């Protein structure tokens, strides 16, 4: 009798876990945009590939993408570690919930602030960056 109750409880807990995992929508668009900004600051090309949609991968697989970016930024060590903090100015998600526009605010260690626009699309149940637009003024 006790064994049956324990087995039943384990089955119910496993089912509940499966339901919770299936319902988890992962990080929202703003969190992905902040992660993308920070990955660029760290020159973390593996993370950039993961966060980028096919539109930003230049038709390359992960290995090729990472190798190309490492070669391009090999002598650009001064571009790493410039960010003090990344904030969000605005998030707009389309009515269908499949496209998002995130205006980021990057506070640099030298005291300046940069504003960028990150466009994302929701594919395979996760947000991916499709457009990364650098700006120097606050979005209106």
C-alpha atoms as a PDB file:
ATOM      1  CA  UNK A   1       0.000   0.000   0.000  1.00  0.00           C
ATOM      2  CA  UNK A   2       2.728   2.474   0.986  1.00  0.00           C
ATOM      3  CA  UNK A   3       4.761   1.524  -2.071  1.00  0.00           C
ATOM      4  CA  UNK A   4       1.749   2.285  -4.289  1.00  0.00           C
ATOM      5  CA  UNK A   5       1.335   5.724  -2.684  1.00  0.00           C
ATOM      6  CA  UNK A   6       5.029   6.509  -3.106  1.00  0.00           C
ATOM      7  CA  UNK A   7       4.987   5.405  -6.749  1.00  0.00           C
ATOM      8  CA  UNK A   8       1.845   7.478  -7.346  1.00  0.00           C
ATOM      9  CA  UNK A   9       3.444  10.539  -5.727  1.00  0.00           C
ATOM     10  CA  UNK A  10       6.588  10.134  -7.835  1.00  0.00           C
ATOM     11  CA  UNK A  11       4.508   9.866 -11.027  1.00  0.00           C
ATOM     12  CA  UNK A  12       2.529  12.998 -10.102  1.00  0.00           C
ATOM     13  CA  UNK A  13       5.742  14.918  -9.316  1.00  0.00           C
ATOM     14  CA  UNK A  14       7.314  13.842 -12.617  1.00  0.00           C
ATOM     15  CA  UNK A  15       4.202  14.920 -14.513  1.00  0.00           C
ATOM     16  CA  UNK A  16       4.194  18.287 -12.713  1.00  0.00           C
ATOM     17  CA  UNK A  17       7.875  18.774 -13.579  1.00  0.00           C
ATOM     18  CA  UNK A  18       7.237  18.034 -17.262  1.00  0.00           C
ATOM     19  CA  UNK A  19       4.343  20.519 -17.309  1.00  0.00           C
ATOM     20  CA  UNK A  20       6.442  23.237 -15.626  1.00  0.00           C
ATOM     21  CA  UNK A  21       9.340  22.768 -18.039  1.00  0.00           C
ATOM     22  CA  UNK A  22       7.002  22.790 -21.037  1.00  0.00           C
ATOM     23  CA  UNK A  23       5.386  26.040 -19.873  1.00  0.00           C
ATOM     24  CA  UNK A  24       8.688  27.833 -19.202  1.00  0.00           C
ATOM     25  CA  UNK A  25       9.051  30.470 -21.909  1.00  0.00           C
ATOM     26  CA  UNK A  26      12.686  31.183 -21.058  1.00  0.00           C
ATOM     27  CA  UNK A  27      14.212  34.644 -20.806  1.00  0.00           C
ATOM     28  CA  UNK A  28      12.139  37.534 -22.116  1.00  0.00           C
ATOM     29  CA  UNK A  29      13.242  39.798 -24.974  1.00  0.00           C
ATOM     30  CA  UNK A  30      14.765  42.414 -22.649  1.00  0.00           C
ATOM     31  CA  UNK A  31      16.882  39.811 -20.858  1.00  0.00           C
ATOM     32  CA  UNK A  32      18.153  38.455 -24.172  1.00  0.00           C
ATOM     33  CA  UNK A  33      18.981  41.996 -25.384  1.00  0.00           C
ATOM     34  CA  UNK A  34      20.969  42.703 -22.206  1.00  0.00           C
ATOM     35  CA  UNK A  35      22.769  39.352 -22.568  1.00  0.00           C
ATOM     36  CA  UNK A  36      23.606  40.247 -26.169  1.00  0.00           C
ATOM     37  CA  UNK A  37      25.072  43.607 -25.128  1.00  0.00           C
ATOM     38  CA  UNK A  38      27.146  41.974 -22.396  1.00  0.00           C
ATOM     39  CA  UNK A  39      28.350  39.216 -24.733  1.00  0.00           C
ATOM     40  CA  UNK A  40      29.658  41.891 -27.117  1.00  0.00           C
ATOM     41  CA  UNK A  41      31.373  43.635 -24.209  1.00  0.00           C
ATOM     42  CA  UNK A  42      33.122  40.383 -23.251  1.00  0.00           C
ATOM     43  CA  UNK A  43      33.759  39.508 -26.910  1.00  0.00           C
ATOM     44  CA  UNK A  44      32.072  36.196 -26.090  1.00  0.00           C
ATOM     45  CA  UNK A  45      31.467  34.979 -29.623  1.00  0.00           C
ATOM     46  CA  UNK A  46      30.018  31.615 -28.550  1.00  0.00           C
ATOM     47  CA  UNK A  47      27.284  33.443 -26.628  1.00  0.00           C
ATOM     48  CA  UNK A  48      26.757  35.845 -29.533  1.00  0.00           C
ATOM     49  CA  UNK A  49      26.206  32.940 -31.918  1.00  0.00           C
ATOM     50  CA  UNK A  50      23.681  31.389 -29.525  1.00  0.00           C
ATOM     51  CA  UNK A  51      21.790  34.662 -29.019  1.00  0.00           C
ATOM     52  CA  UNK A  52      21.838  35.601 -32.716  1.00  0.00           C
ATOM     53  CA  UNK A  53      19.304  34.515 -35.293  1.00  0.00           C
ATOM     54  CA  UNK A  54      20.486  33.195 -38.659  1.00  0.00           C
ATOM     55  CA  UNK A  55      20.298  36.751 -40.042  1.00  0.00           C
ATOM     56  CA  UNK A  56      23.335  37.755 -37.950  1.00  0.00           C
ATOM     57  CA  UNK A  57      25.398  34.579 -38.369  1.00  0.00           C
ATOM     58  CA  UNK A  58      26.623  35.376 -41.900  1.00  0.00           C
ATOM     59  CA  UNK A  59      25.649  31.878 -43.067  1.00  0.00           C
ATOM     60  CA  UNK A  60      28.309  30.353 -40.808  1.00  0.00           C
ATOM     61  CA  UNK A  61      28.006  27.473 -38.397  1.00  0.00           C
ATOM     62  CA  UNK A  62      29.069  28.032 -34.773  1.00  0.00           C
ATOM     63  CA  UNK A  63      32.694  26.978 -35.281  1.00  0.00           C
ATOM     64  CA  UNK A  64      33.143  29.151 -38.377  1.00  0.00           C
ATOM     65  CA  UNK A  65      31.365  32.133 -36.793  1.00  0.00           C
ATOM     66  CA  UNK A  66      33.447  32.029 -33.616  1.00  0.00           C
ATOM     67  CA  UNK A  67      36.692  31.593 -35.579  1.00  0.00           C
ATOM     68  CA  UNK A  68      35.860  34.505 -37.907  1.00  0.00           C
ATOM     69  CA  UNK A  69      34.951  36.832 -35.020  1.00  0.00           C
ATOM     70  CA  UNK A  70      38.031  35.863 -33.016  1.00  0.00           C
ATOM     71  CA  UNK A  71      40.239  36.581 -36.019  1.00  0.00           C
ATOM     72  CA  UNK A  72      38.512  39.917 -36.649  1.00  0.00           C
ATOM     73  CA  UNK A  73      38.835  41.053 -33.026  1.00  0.00           C
ATOM     74  CA  UNK A  74      42.185  39.418 -32.257  1.00  0.00           C
ATOM     75  CA  UNK A  75      43.992  42.740 -31.888  1.00  0.00           C
ATOM     76  CA  UNK A  76      41.009  44.662 -30.488  1.00  0.00           C
ATOM     77  CA  UNK A  77      41.551  43.969 -26.774  1.00  0.00           C
ATOM     78  CA  UNK A  78      40.685  47.590 -25.947  1.00  0.00           C
ATOM     79  CA  UNK A  79      37.073  46.904 -26.996  1.00  0.00           C
ATOM     80  CA  UNK A  80      36.576  44.387 -24.167  1.00  0.00           C
ATOM     81  CA  UNK A  81      35.273  45.334 -20.733  1.00  0.00           C
ATOM     82  CA  UNK A  82      33.994  48.816 -21.573  1.00  0.00           C
ATOM     83  CA  UNK A  83      30.534  48.367 -20.056  1.00  0.00           C
ATOM     84  CA  UNK A  84      29.724  49.364 -16.508  1.00  0.00           C
ATOM     85  CA  UNK A  85      25.997  48.600 -16.693  1.00  0.00           C
ATOM     86  CA  UNK A  86      23.307  47.814 -19.281  1.00  0.00           C
ATOM     87  CA  UNK A  87      19.810  49.183 -18.788  1.00  0.00           C
ATOM     88  CA  UNK A  88      16.588  49.066 -20.763  1.00  0.00           C
ATOM     89  CA  UNK A  89      14.938  52.251 -22.067  1.00  0.00           C
ATOM     90  CA  UNK A  90      11.976  50.625 -23.793  1.00  0.00           C
ATOM     91  CA  UNK A  91      10.578  47.246 -24.827  1.00  0.00           C
ATOM     92  CA  UNK A  92       7.935  46.843 -27.517  1.00  0.00           C
ATOM     93  CA  UNK A  93       6.580  43.399 -28.346  1.00  0.00           C
ATOM     94  CA  UNK A  94       4.301  43.056 -31.367  1.00  0.00           C
ATOM     95  CA  UNK A  95       0.714  42.017 -30.895  1.00  0.00           C
ATOM     96  CA  UNK A  96       1.487  38.506 -32.080  1.00  0.00           C
ATOM     97  CA  UNK A  97       4.342  38.290 -29.587  1.00  0.00           C
ATOM     98  CA  UNK A  98       6.800  37.090 -32.218  1.00  0.00           C
ATOM     99  CA  UNK A  99       8.856  40.273 -32.698  1.00  0.00           C
ATOM    100  CA  UNK A 100      10.323  42.629 -30.107  1.00  0.00           C
ATOM    101  CA  UNK A 101      12.217  45.905 -30.186  1.00  0.00           C
ATOM    102  CA  UNK A 102      14.405  46.661 -27.182  1.00  0.00           C
ATOM    103  CA  UNK A 103      16.099  50.026 -26.696  1.00  0.00           C
ATOM    104  CA  UNK A 104      19.153  49.504 -24.516  1.00  0.00           C
ATOM    105  CA  UNK A 105      21.151  52.048 -22.540  1.00  0.00           C
ATOM    106  CA  UNK A 106      24.800  51.156 -22.030  1.00  0.00           C
ATOM    107  CA  UNK A 107      26.714  53.005 -19.334  1.00  0.00           C
ATOM    108  CA  UNK A 108      30.411  52.803 -20.158  1.00  0.00           C
ATOM    109  CA  UNK A 109      33.221  52.841 -17.614  1.00  0.00           C
ATOM    110  CA  UNK A 110      34.455  56.185 -18.986  1.00  0.00           C
ATOM    111  CA  UNK A 111      31.163  57.826 -17.961  1.00  0.00           C
ATOM    112  CA  UNK A 112      29.531  58.011 -21.378  1.00  0.00           C
ATOM    113  CA  UNK A 113      26.234  56.425 -22.317  1.00  0.00           C
ATOM    114  CA  UNK A 114      25.337  54.735 -25.592  1.00  0.00           C
ATOM    115  CA  UNK A 115      21.833  53.797 -26.750  1.00  0.00           C
ATOM    116  CA  UNK A 116      21.229  50.834 -29.055  1.00  0.00           C
ATOM    117  CA  UNK A 117      18.229  49.226 -30.671  1.00  0.00           C
ATOM    118  CA  UNK A 118      18.015  45.443 -30.575  1.00  0.00           C
ATOM    119  CA  UNK A 119      15.373  43.709 -32.666  1.00  0.00           C
ATOM    120  CA  UNK A 120      14.459  40.152 -31.754  1.00  0.00           C
ATOM    121  CA  UNK A 121      12.257  37.419 -33.124  1.00  0.00           C
ATOM    122  CA  UNK A 122      10.774  34.508 -31.201  1.00  0.00           C
ATOM    123  CA  UNK A 123      11.718  31.221 -32.883  1.00  0.00           C
ATOM    124  CA  UNK A 124      11.685  27.710 -31.469  1.00  0.00           C
ATOM    125  CA  UNK A 125      10.230  29.112 -28.225  1.00  0.00           C
ATOM    126  CA  UNK A 126      13.159  31.469 -27.585  1.00  0.00           C
ATOM    127  CA  UNK A 127      14.131  35.032 -28.433  1.00  0.00           C
ATOM    128  CA  UNK A 128      16.950  35.577 -30.938  1.00  0.00           C
ATOM    129  CA  UNK A 129      18.537  38.843 -32.061  1.00  0.00           C
ATOM    130  CA  UNK A 130      17.908  39.682 -35.728  1.00  0.00           C
ATOM    131  CA  UNK A 131      19.068  43.326 -35.859  1.00  0.00           C
ATOM    132  CA  UNK A 132      21.602  45.167 -33.705  1.00  0.00           C
ATOM    133  CA  UNK A 133      21.666  48.880 -34.404  1.00  0.00           C
ATOM    134  CA  UNK A 134      24.259  51.069 -32.714  1.00  0.00           C
ATOM    135  CA  UNK A 135      23.193  54.627 -31.992  1.00  0.00           C
ATOM    136  CA  UNK A 136      24.671  57.502 -30.056  1.00  0.00           C
ATOM    137  CA  UNK A 137      21.484  59.270 -29.068  1.00  0.00           C
ATOM    138  CA  UNK A 138      18.596  58.268 -26.885  1.00  0.00           C
ATOM    139  CA  UNK A 139      15.750  56.617 -28.803  1.00  0.00           C
ATOM    140  CA  UNK A 140      12.605  58.758 -28.999  1.00  0.00           C
END
